[in-house]
mmCIF file of all heavy atoms, coordinates in Angstrom:
data_MODEL
# 
_entry.id   MODEL 
# 
loop_
_atom_site.group_PDB 
_atom_site.id 
_atom_site.type_symbol 
_atom_site.label_atom_id 
_atom_site.label_alt_id 
_atom_site.label_comp_id 
_atom_site.label_asym_id 
_atom_site.label_entity_id 
_atom_site.label_seq_id 
_atom_site.pdbx_PDB_ins_code 
_atom_site.Cartn_x 
_atom_site.Cartn_y 
_atom_site.Cartn_z 
_atom_site.occupancy 
_atom_site.B_iso_or_equiv 
_atom_site.pdbx_formal_charge 
_atom_site.auth_seq_id 
_atom_site.auth_comp_id 
_atom_site.auth_asym_id 
_atom_site.auth_atom_id 
_atom_site.pdbx_PDB_model_num 
ATOM 1   N N   . ASP A 1 1  ? 6.766   5.579   26.899 1.00 0.00 ? 1  ASP A N   1 
ATOM 2   C CA  . ASP A 1 1  ? 6.417   4.430   27.739 1.00 0.00 ? 1  ASP A CA  1 
ATOM 3   C C   . ASP A 1 1  ? 5.217   3.724   27.217 1.00 0.00 ? 1  ASP A C   1 
ATOM 4   O O   . ASP A 1 1  ? 4.344   3.280   27.930 1.00 0.00 ? 1  ASP A O   1 
ATOM 5   C CB  . ASP A 1 1  ? 6.192   4.888   29.191 1.00 0.00 ? 1  ASP A CB  1 
ATOM 6   C CG  . ASP A 1 1  ? 7.454   5.338   29.831 1.00 0.00 ? 1  ASP A CG  1 
ATOM 7   O OD1 . ASP A 1 1  ? 8.588   4.760   29.515 1.00 0.00 ? 1  ASP A OD1 1 
ATOM 8   O OD2 . ASP A 1 1  ? 7.417   6.254   30.664 1.00 0.00 ? 1  ASP A OD2 1 
ATOM 9   N N   . LEU A 1 2  ? 5.059   3.710   25.894 1.00 0.00 ? 2  LEU A N   1 
ATOM 10  C CA  . LEU A 1 2  ? 3.923   2.963   25.230 1.00 0.00 ? 2  LEU A CA  1 
ATOM 11  C C   . LEU A 1 2  ? 4.389   1.682   24.640 1.00 0.00 ? 2  LEU A C   1 
ATOM 12  O O   . LEU A 1 2  ? 5.337   1.674   23.839 1.00 0.00 ? 2  LEU A O   1 
ATOM 13  C CB  . LEU A 1 2  ? 3.297   3.917   24.153 1.00 0.00 ? 2  LEU A CB  1 
ATOM 14  C CG  . LEU A 1 2  ? 2.209   3.287   23.279 1.00 0.00 ? 2  LEU A CG  1 
ATOM 15  C CD1 . LEU A 1 2  ? 0.960   3.035   24.144 1.00 0.00 ? 2  LEU A CD1 1 
ATOM 16  C CD2 . LEU A 1 2  ? 1.885   4.154   22.105 1.00 0.00 ? 2  LEU A CD2 1 
ATOM 17  N N   . THR A 1 3  ? 3.811   0.621   25.017 1.00 0.00 ? 3  THR A N   1 
ATOM 18  C CA  . THR A 1 3  ? 4.136   -0.745  24.574 1.00 0.00 ? 3  THR A CA  1 
ATOM 19  C C   . THR A 1 3  ? 3.327   -1.101  23.349 1.00 0.00 ? 3  THR A C   1 
ATOM 20  O O   . THR A 1 3  ? 2.119   -1.056  23.350 1.00 0.00 ? 3  THR A O   1 
ATOM 21  C CB  . THR A 1 3  ? 3.877   -1.794  25.667 1.00 0.00 ? 3  THR A CB  1 
ATOM 22  O OG1 . THR A 1 3  ? 4.674   -1.459  26.833 1.00 0.00 ? 3  THR A OG1 1 
ATOM 23  C CG2 . THR A 1 3  ? 4.310   -3.188  25.212 1.00 0.00 ? 3  THR A CG2 1 
ATOM 24  N N   . ILE A 1 4  ? 4.015   -1.448  22.292 1.00 0.00 ? 4  ILE A N   1 
ATOM 25  C CA  . ILE A 1 4  ? 3.393   -1.920  21.051 1.00 0.00 ? 4  ILE A CA  1 
ATOM 26  C C   . ILE A 1 4  ? 3.840   -3.386  20.875 1.00 0.00 ? 4  ILE A C   1 
ATOM 27  O O   . ILE A 1 4  ? 4.968   -3.683  20.600 1.00 0.00 ? 4  ILE A O   1 
ATOM 28  C CB  . ILE A 1 4  ? 3.774   -1.054  19.830 1.00 0.00 ? 4  ILE A CB  1 
ATOM 29  C CG1 . ILE A 1 4  ? 3.363   0.355   20.041 1.00 0.00 ? 4  ILE A CG1 1 
ATOM 30  C CG2 . ILE A 1 4  ? 3.088   -1.629  18.564 1.00 0.00 ? 4  ILE A CG2 1 
ATOM 31  C CD1 . ILE A 1 4  ? 3.771   1.308   18.909 1.00 0.00 ? 4  ILE A CD1 1 
ATOM 32  N N   . ASP A 1 5  ? 2.870   -4.315  20.976 1.00 0.00 ? 5  ASP A N   1 
ATOM 33  C CA  . ASP A 1 5  ? 3.152   -5.723  20.813 1.00 0.00 ? 5  ASP A CA  1 
ATOM 34  C C   . ASP A 1 5  ? 3.138   -6.155  19.433 1.00 0.00 ? 5  ASP A C   1 
ATOM 35  O O   . ASP A 1 5  ? 3.958   -7.035  18.995 1.00 0.00 ? 5  ASP A O   1 
ATOM 36  C CB  . ASP A 1 5  ? 2.131   -6.562  21.646 1.00 0.00 ? 5  ASP A CB  1 
ATOM 37  C CG  . ASP A 1 5  ? 2.238   -6.321  23.141 1.00 0.00 ? 5  ASP A CG  1 
ATOM 38  O OD1 . ASP A 1 5  ? 3.424   -6.239  23.633 1.00 0.00 ? 5  ASP A OD1 1 
ATOM 39  O OD2 . ASP A 1 5  ? 1.262   -6.296  23.852 1.00 0.00 ? 5  ASP A OD2 1 
ATOM 40  N N   . TYR A 1 6  ? 2.190   -5.640  18.614 1.00 0.00 ? 6  TYR A N   1 
ATOM 41  C CA  . TYR A 1 6  ? 1.990   -6.136  17.206 1.00 0.00 ? 6  TYR A CA  1 
ATOM 42  C C   . TYR A 1 6  ? 1.833   -4.879  16.283 1.00 0.00 ? 6  TYR A C   1 
ATOM 43  O O   . TYR A 1 6  ? 1.238   -3.890  16.615 1.00 0.00 ? 6  TYR A O   1 
ATOM 44  C CB  . TYR A 1 6  ? 0.747   -6.996  17.062 1.00 0.00 ? 6  TYR A CB  1 
ATOM 45  C CG  . TYR A 1 6  ? 0.824   -8.277  17.911 1.00 0.00 ? 6  TYR A CG  1 
ATOM 46  C CD1 . TYR A 1 6  ? 0.201   -8.342  19.171 1.00 0.00 ? 6  TYR A CD1 1 
ATOM 47  C CD2 . TYR A 1 6  ? 1.459   -9.393  17.454 1.00 0.00 ? 6  TYR A CD2 1 
ATOM 48  C CE1 . TYR A 1 6  ? 0.241   -9.464  19.935 1.00 0.00 ? 6  TYR A CE1 1 
ATOM 49  C CE2 . TYR A 1 6  ? 1.500   -10.552 18.190 1.00 0.00 ? 6  TYR A CE2 1 
ATOM 50  C CZ  . TYR A 1 6  ? 0.888   -10.574 19.409 1.00 0.00 ? 6  TYR A CZ  1 
ATOM 51  O OH  . TYR A 1 6  ? 0.969   -11.733 20.187 1.00 0.00 ? 6  TYR A OH  1 
ATOM 52  N N   . LEU A 1 7  ? 2.389   -5.082  15.084 1.00 0.00 ? 7  LEU A N   1 
ATOM 53  C CA  . LEU A 1 7  ? 2.250   -4.035  14.053 1.00 0.00 ? 7  LEU A CA  1 
ATOM 54  C C   . LEU A 1 7  ? 1.592   -4.698  12.886 1.00 0.00 ? 7  LEU A C   1 
ATOM 55  O O   . LEU A 1 7  ? 2.027   -5.758  12.396 1.00 0.00 ? 7  LEU A O   1 
ATOM 56  C CB  . LEU A 1 7  ? 3.608   -3.396  13.666 1.00 0.00 ? 7  LEU A CB  1 
ATOM 57  C CG  . LEU A 1 7  ? 3.484   -2.282  12.748 1.00 0.00 ? 7  LEU A CG  1 
ATOM 58  C CD1 . LEU A 1 7  ? 4.385   -1.097  13.147 1.00 0.00 ? 7  LEU A CD1 1 
ATOM 59  C CD2 . LEU A 1 7  ? 3.808   -2.742  11.289 1.00 0.00 ? 7  LEU A CD2 1 
ATOM 60  N N   . ALA A 1 8  ? 0.507   -4.072  12.328 1.00 0.00 ? 8  ALA A N   1 
ATOM 61  C CA  . ALA A 1 8  ? -0.239  -4.709  11.251 1.00 0.00 ? 8  ALA A CA  1 
ATOM 62  C C   . ALA A 1 8  ? -0.306  -3.733  10.022 1.00 0.00 ? 8  ALA A C   1 
ATOM 63  O O   . ALA A 1 8  ? -0.229  -2.503  10.239 1.00 0.00 ? 8  ALA A O   1 
ATOM 64  C CB  . ALA A 1 8  ? -1.621  -5.045  11.699 1.00 0.00 ? 8  ALA A CB  1 
ATOM 65  N N   . ARG A 1 9  ? -0.455  -4.264  8.849  1.00 0.00 ? 9  ARG A N   1 
ATOM 66  C CA  . ARG A 1 9  ? -0.640  -3.448  7.609  1.00 0.00 ? 9  ARG A CA  1 
ATOM 67  C C   . ARG A 1 9  ? -2.065  -3.340  7.241  1.00 0.00 ? 9  ARG A C   1 
ATOM 68  O O   . ARG A 1 9  ? -2.805  -4.345  7.130  1.00 0.00 ? 9  ARG A O   1 
ATOM 69  C CB  . ARG A 1 9  ? 0.126   -4.080  6.487  1.00 0.00 ? 9  ARG A CB  1 
ATOM 70  C CG  . ARG A 1 9  ? 1.660   -4.212  6.688  1.00 0.00 ? 9  ARG A CG  1 
ATOM 71  C CD  . ARG A 1 9  ? 2.367   -4.547  5.420  1.00 0.00 ? 9  ARG A CD  1 
ATOM 72  N NE  . ARG A 1 9  ? 2.049   -5.904  4.987  1.00 0.00 ? 9  ARG A NE  1 
ATOM 73  C CZ  . ARG A 1 9  ? 1.379   -6.257  3.938  1.00 0.00 ? 9  ARG A CZ  1 
ATOM 74  N NH1 . ARG A 1 9  ? 0.874   -5.282  3.082  1.00 0.00 ? 9  ARG A NH1 1 
ATOM 75  N NH2 . ARG A 1 9  ? 1.141   -7.456  3.584  1.00 0.00 ? 9  ARG A NH2 1 
ATOM 76  N N   . GLU A 1 10 ? -2.554  -2.142  6.997  1.00 0.00 ? 10 GLU A N   1 
ATOM 77  C CA  . GLU A 1 10 ? -3.976  -1.975  6.613  1.00 0.00 ? 10 GLU A CA  1 
ATOM 78  C C   . GLU A 1 10 ? -4.264  -2.651  5.249  1.00 0.00 ? 10 GLU A C   1 
ATOM 79  O O   . GLU A 1 10 ? -5.341  -3.188  5.021  1.00 0.00 ? 10 GLU A O   1 
ATOM 80  C CB  . GLU A 1 10 ? -4.325  -0.513  6.510  1.00 0.00 ? 10 GLU A CB  1 
ATOM 81  C CG  . GLU A 1 10 ? -5.844  -0.229  6.318  1.00 0.00 ? 10 GLU A CG  1 
ATOM 82  C CD  . GLU A 1 10 ? -6.275  1.114   6.603  1.00 0.00 ? 10 GLU A CD  1 
ATOM 83  O OE1 . GLU A 1 10 ? -5.443  2.011   6.836  1.00 0.00 ? 10 GLU A OE1 1 
ATOM 84  O OE2 . GLU A 1 10 ? -7.501  1.371   6.612  1.00 0.00 ? 10 GLU A OE2 1 
ATOM 85  N N   . SER A 1 11 ? -3.291  -2.663  4.310  1.00 0.00 ? 11 SER A N   1 
ATOM 86  C CA  . SER A 1 11 ? -3.498  -3.247  3.028  1.00 0.00 ? 11 SER A CA  1 
ATOM 87  C C   . SER A 1 11 ? -3.767  -4.738  3.118  1.00 0.00 ? 11 SER A C   1 
ATOM 88  O O   . SER A 1 11 ? -4.423  -5.360  2.260  1.00 0.00 ? 11 SER A O   1 
ATOM 89  C CB  . SER A 1 11 ? -2.325  -2.970  2.119  1.00 0.00 ? 11 SER A CB  1 
ATOM 90  O OG  . SER A 1 11 ? -1.127  -3.573  2.618  1.00 0.00 ? 11 SER A OG  1 
ATOM 91  N N   . SER A 1 12 ? -3.283  -5.374  4.217  1.00 0.00 ? 12 SER A N   1 
ATOM 92  C CA  . SER A 1 12 ? -3.509  -6.794  4.362  1.00 0.00 ? 12 SER A CA  1 
ATOM 93  C C   . SER A 1 12 ? -4.937  -7.123  4.718  1.00 0.00 ? 12 SER A C   1 
ATOM 94  O O   . SER A 1 12 ? -5.391  -8.227  4.642  1.00 0.00 ? 12 SER A O   1 
ATOM 95  C CB  . SER A 1 12 ? -2.548  -7.384  5.442  1.00 0.00 ? 12 SER A CB  1 
ATOM 96  O OG  . SER A 1 12 ? -2.903  -6.896  6.733  1.00 0.00 ? 12 SER A OG  1 
ATOM 97  N N   . CYS A 1 13 ? -5.733  -6.091  5.100  1.00 0.00 ? 13 CYS A N   1 
ATOM 98  C CA  . CYS A 1 13 ? -7.152  -6.303  5.320  1.00 0.00 ? 13 CYS A CA  1 
ATOM 99  C C   . CYS A 1 13 ? -7.888  -6.429  4.006  1.00 0.00 ? 13 CYS A C   1 
ATOM 100 O O   . CYS A 1 13 ? -8.986  -6.996  3.921  1.00 0.00 ? 13 CYS A O   1 
ATOM 101 C CB  . CYS A 1 13 ? -7.761  -5.056  6.117  1.00 0.00 ? 13 CYS A CB  1 
ATOM 102 S SG  . CYS A 1 13 ? -7.160  -4.915  7.832  1.00 0.00 ? 13 CYS A SG  1 
ATOM 103 N N   . ALA A 1 14 ? -7.259  -5.955  2.953  1.00 0.00 ? 14 ALA A N   1 
ATOM 104 C CA  . ALA A 1 14 ? -7.803  -6.171  1.579  1.00 0.00 ? 14 ALA A CA  1 
ATOM 105 C C   . ALA A 1 14 ? -7.381  -7.496  1.005  1.00 0.00 ? 14 ALA A C   1 
ATOM 106 O O   . ALA A 1 14 ? -8.176  -8.304  0.599  1.00 0.00 ? 14 ALA A O   1 
ATOM 107 C CB  . ALA A 1 14 ? -7.376  -4.998  0.634  1.00 0.00 ? 14 ALA A CB  1 
ATOM 108 N N   . ASN A 1 15 ? -6.022  -7.701  1.095  1.00 0.00 ? 15 ASN A N   1 
ATOM 109 C CA  . ASN A 1 15 ? -5.493  -9.037  0.607  1.00 0.00 ? 15 ASN A CA  1 
ATOM 110 C C   . ASN A 1 15 ? -4.068  -9.085  1.138  1.00 0.00 ? 15 ASN A C   1 
ATOM 111 O O   . ASN A 1 15 ? -3.415  -8.144  1.392  1.00 0.00 ? 15 ASN A O   1 
ATOM 112 C CB  . ASN A 1 15 ? -5.575  -9.172  -0.895 1.00 0.00 ? 15 ASN A CB  1 
ATOM 113 C CG  . ASN A 1 15 ? -4.865  -8.032  -1.596 1.00 0.00 ? 15 ASN A CG  1 
ATOM 114 O OD1 . ASN A 1 15 ? -3.668  -7.990  -1.626 1.00 0.00 ? 15 ASN A OD1 1 
ATOM 115 N ND2 . ASN A 1 15 ? -5.629  -7.113  -2.227 1.00 0.00 ? 15 ASN A ND2 1 
ATOM 116 N N   . GLY A 1 16 ? -3.631  -10.391 1.244  1.00 0.00 ? 16 GLY A N   1 
ATOM 117 C CA  . GLY A 1 16 ? -2.298  -10.600 1.697  1.00 0.00 ? 16 GLY A CA  1 
ATOM 118 C C   . GLY A 1 16 ? -2.072  -12.025 2.097  1.00 0.00 ? 16 GLY A C   1 
ATOM 119 O O   . GLY A 1 16 ? -3.012  -12.700 2.635  1.00 0.00 ? 16 GLY A O   1 
ATOM 120 N N   . SER A 1 17 ? -0.895  -12.576 1.881  1.00 0.00 ? 17 SER A N   1 
ATOM 121 C CA  . SER A 1 17 ? -0.532  -13.932 2.265  1.00 0.00 ? 17 SER A CA  1 
ATOM 122 C C   . SER A 1 17 ? -1.535  -15.021 1.682  1.00 0.00 ? 17 SER A C   1 
ATOM 123 O O   . SER A 1 17 ? -1.857  -15.974 2.356  1.00 0.00 ? 17 SER A O   1 
ATOM 124 C CB  . SER A 1 17 ? -0.479  -14.051 3.761  1.00 0.00 ? 17 SER A CB  1 
ATOM 125 O OG  . SER A 1 17 ? 0.534   -13.222 4.333  1.00 0.00 ? 17 SER A OG  1 
ATOM 126 N N   . GLY A 1 18 ? -2.016  -14.710 0.496  1.00 0.00 ? 18 GLY A N   1 
ATOM 127 C CA  . GLY A 1 18 ? -2.892  -15.650 -0.189 1.00 0.00 ? 18 GLY A CA  1 
ATOM 128 C C   . GLY A 1 18 ? -4.309  -15.567 0.196  1.00 0.00 ? 18 GLY A C   1 
ATOM 129 O O   . GLY A 1 18 ? -5.160  -16.424 -0.234 1.00 0.00 ? 18 GLY A O   1 
ATOM 130 N N   . HIS A 1 19 ? -4.667  -14.648 1.054  1.00 0.00 ? 19 HIS A N   1 
ATOM 131 C CA  . HIS A 1 19 ? -6.024  -14.465 1.463  1.00 0.00 ? 19 HIS A CA  1 
ATOM 132 C C   . HIS A 1 19 ? -6.580  -13.173 1.079  1.00 0.00 ? 19 HIS A C   1 
ATOM 133 O O   . HIS A 1 19 ? -5.857  -12.170 0.825  1.00 0.00 ? 19 HIS A O   1 
ATOM 134 C CB  . HIS A 1 19 ? -6.128  -14.474 3.009  1.00 0.00 ? 19 HIS A CB  1 
ATOM 135 C CG  . HIS A 1 19 ? -5.638  -15.801 3.666  1.00 0.00 ? 19 HIS A CG  1 
ATOM 136 N ND1 . HIS A 1 19 ? -6.327  -16.955 3.521  1.00 0.00 ? 19 HIS A ND1 1 
ATOM 137 C CD2 . HIS A 1 19 ? -4.534  -16.075 4.335  1.00 0.00 ? 19 HIS A CD2 1 
ATOM 138 C CE1 . HIS A 1 19 ? -5.618  -17.968 4.168  1.00 0.00 ? 19 HIS A CE1 1 
ATOM 139 N NE2 . HIS A 1 19 ? -4.522  -17.419 4.654  1.00 0.00 ? 19 HIS A NE2 1 
ATOM 140 N N   . GLN A 1 20 ? -7.912  -13.034 0.959  1.00 0.00 ? 20 GLN A N   1 
ATOM 141 C CA  . GLN A 1 20 ? -8.618  -11.827 0.586  1.00 0.00 ? 20 GLN A CA  1 
ATOM 142 C C   . GLN A 1 20 ? -9.695  -11.554 1.672  1.00 0.00 ? 20 GLN A C   1 
ATOM 143 O O   . GLN A 1 20 ? -10.851 -11.829 1.469  1.00 0.00 ? 20 GLN A O   1 
ATOM 144 C CB  . GLN A 1 20 ? -9.246  -11.941 -0.727 1.00 0.00 ? 20 GLN A CB  1 
ATOM 145 C CG  . GLN A 1 20 ? -8.221  -12.008 -1.931 1.00 0.00 ? 20 GLN A CG  1 
ATOM 146 C CD  . GLN A 1 20 ? -8.888  -11.989 -3.233 1.00 0.00 ? 20 GLN A CD  1 
ATOM 147 O OE1 . GLN A 1 20 ? -9.774  -12.788 -3.465 1.00 0.00 ? 20 GLN A OE1 1 
ATOM 148 N NE2 . GLN A 1 20 ? -8.412  -11.160 -4.131 1.00 0.00 ? 20 GLN A NE2 1 
ATOM 149 N N   . PRO A 1 21 ? -9.291  -11.048 2.859  1.00 0.00 ? 21 PRO A N   1 
ATOM 150 C CA  . PRO A 1 21 ? -10.212 -10.845 3.916  1.00 0.00 ? 21 PRO A CA  1 
ATOM 151 C C   . PRO A 1 21 ? -11.403 -9.946  3.520  1.00 0.00 ? 21 PRO A C   1 
ATOM 152 O O   . PRO A 1 21 ? -12.574 -10.181 4.012  1.00 0.00 ? 21 PRO A O   1 
ATOM 153 C CB  . PRO A 1 21 ? -9.349  -10.189 5.025  1.00 0.00 ? 21 PRO A CB  1 
ATOM 154 C CG  . PRO A 1 21 ? -7.977  -10.605 4.732  1.00 0.00 ? 21 PRO A CG  1 
ATOM 155 C CD  . PRO A 1 21 ? -7.874  -10.675 3.215  1.00 0.00 ? 21 PRO A CD  1 
ATOM 156 N N   . ALA A 1 22 ? -11.186 -8.872  2.721  1.00 0.00 ? 22 ALA A N   1 
ATOM 157 C CA  . ALA A 1 22 ? -12.277 -7.949  2.360  1.00 0.00 ? 22 ALA A CA  1 
ATOM 158 C C   . ALA A 1 22 ? -13.342 -8.663  1.533  1.00 0.00 ? 22 ALA A C   1 
ATOM 159 O O   . ALA A 1 22 ? -14.514 -8.553  1.833  1.00 0.00 ? 22 ALA A O   1 
ATOM 160 C CB  . ALA A 1 22 ? -11.664 -6.731  1.643  1.00 0.00 ? 22 ALA A CB  1 
ATOM 161 N N   . ARG A 1 23 ? -12.879 -9.456  0.611  1.00 0.00 ? 23 ARG A N   1 
ATOM 162 C CA  . ARG A 1 23 ? -13.860 -10.174 -0.235 1.00 0.00 ? 23 ARG A CA  1 
ATOM 163 C C   . ARG A 1 23 ? -14.608 -11.189 0.619  1.00 0.00 ? 23 ARG A C   1 
ATOM 164 O O   . ARG A 1 23 ? -15.809 -11.437 0.421  1.00 0.00 ? 23 ARG A O   1 
ATOM 165 C CB  . ARG A 1 23 ? -13.108 -10.941 -1.355 1.00 0.00 ? 23 ARG A CB  1 
ATOM 166 C CG  . ARG A 1 23 ? -12.612 -9.991  -2.458 1.00 0.00 ? 23 ARG A CG  1 
ATOM 167 C CD  . ARG A 1 23 ? -13.736 -9.548  -3.438 1.00 0.00 ? 23 ARG A CD  1 
ATOM 168 N NE  . ARG A 1 23 ? -13.259 -8.823  -4.519 1.00 0.00 ? 23 ARG A NE  1 
ATOM 169 C CZ  . ARG A 1 23 ? -14.032 -8.357  -5.522 1.00 0.00 ? 23 ARG A CZ  1 
ATOM 170 N NH1 . ARG A 1 23 ? -15.360 -8.558  -5.444 1.00 0.00 ? 23 ARG A NH1 1 
ATOM 171 N NH2 . ARG A 1 23 ? -13.527 -7.696  -6.524 1.00 0.00 ? 23 ARG A NH2 1 
ATOM 172 N N   . LEU A 1 24 ? -13.866 -11.844 1.549  1.00 0.00 ? 24 LEU A N   1 
ATOM 173 C CA  . LEU A 1 24 ? -14.498 -12.818 2.370  1.00 0.00 ? 24 LEU A CA  1 
ATOM 174 C C   . LEU A 1 24 ? -15.526 -12.210 3.266  1.00 0.00 ? 24 LEU A C   1 
ATOM 175 O O   . LEU A 1 24 ? -16.722 -12.733 3.415  1.00 0.00 ? 24 LEU A O   1 
ATOM 176 C CB  . LEU A 1 24 ? -13.443 -13.571 3.296  1.00 0.00 ? 24 LEU A CB  1 
ATOM 177 C CG  . LEU A 1 24 ? -13.973 -14.552 4.238  1.00 0.00 ? 24 LEU A CG  1 
ATOM 178 C CD1 . LEU A 1 24 ? -14.551 -15.749 3.510  1.00 0.00 ? 24 LEU A CD1 1 
ATOM 179 C CD2 . LEU A 1 24 ? -12.825 -15.064 5.133  1.00 0.00 ? 24 LEU A CD2 1 
ATOM 180 N N   . MET A 1 25 ? -15.264 -11.100 3.857  1.00 0.00 ? 25 MET A N   1 
ATOM 181 C CA  . MET A 1 25 ? -16.214 -10.379 4.737  1.00 0.00 ? 25 MET A CA  1 
ATOM 182 C C   . MET A 1 25 ? -17.417 -9.892  3.932  1.00 0.00 ? 25 MET A C   1 
ATOM 183 O O   . MET A 1 25 ? -18.579 -9.910  4.419  1.00 0.00 ? 25 MET A O   1 
ATOM 184 C CB  . MET A 1 25 ? -15.571 -9.271  5.507  1.00 0.00 ? 25 MET A CB  1 
ATOM 185 C CG  . MET A 1 25 ? -16.454 -8.946  6.756  1.00 0.00 ? 25 MET A CG  1 
ATOM 186 S SD  . MET A 1 25 ? -15.817 -7.637  7.778  1.00 0.00 ? 25 MET A SD  1 
ATOM 187 C CE  . MET A 1 25 ? -16.442 -6.182  6.849  1.00 0.00 ? 25 MET A CE  1 
ATOM 188 N N   . GLU A 1 26 ? -17.154 -9.427  2.692  1.00 0.00 ? 26 GLU A N   1 
ATOM 189 C CA  . GLU A 1 26 ? -18.263 -8.964  1.848  1.00 0.00 ? 26 GLU A CA  1 
ATOM 190 C C   . GLU A 1 26 ? -19.251 -10.078 1.657  1.00 0.00 ? 26 GLU A C   1 
ATOM 191 O O   . GLU A 1 26 ? -20.473 -9.893  1.688  1.00 0.00 ? 26 GLU A O   1 
ATOM 192 C CB  . GLU A 1 26 ? -17.733 -8.569  0.477  1.00 0.00 ? 26 GLU A CB  1 
ATOM 193 C CG  . GLU A 1 26 ? -18.778 -8.115  -0.523 1.00 0.00 ? 26 GLU A CG  1 
ATOM 194 C CD  . GLU A 1 26 ? -18.298 -8.051  -1.913 1.00 0.00 ? 26 GLU A CD  1 
ATOM 195 O OE1 . GLU A 1 26 ? -17.047 -8.189  -2.155 1.00 0.00 ? 26 GLU A OE1 1 
ATOM 196 O OE2 . GLU A 1 26 ? -19.112 -7.928  -2.864 1.00 0.00 ? 26 GLU A OE2 1 
# 
């Protein structure tokens, strides 16, 4: 009875879909 609305990939925090979030936050 646990609702999961969204599933995310940890690797996308490094890069994904043309973005580099880790570099940006650095």
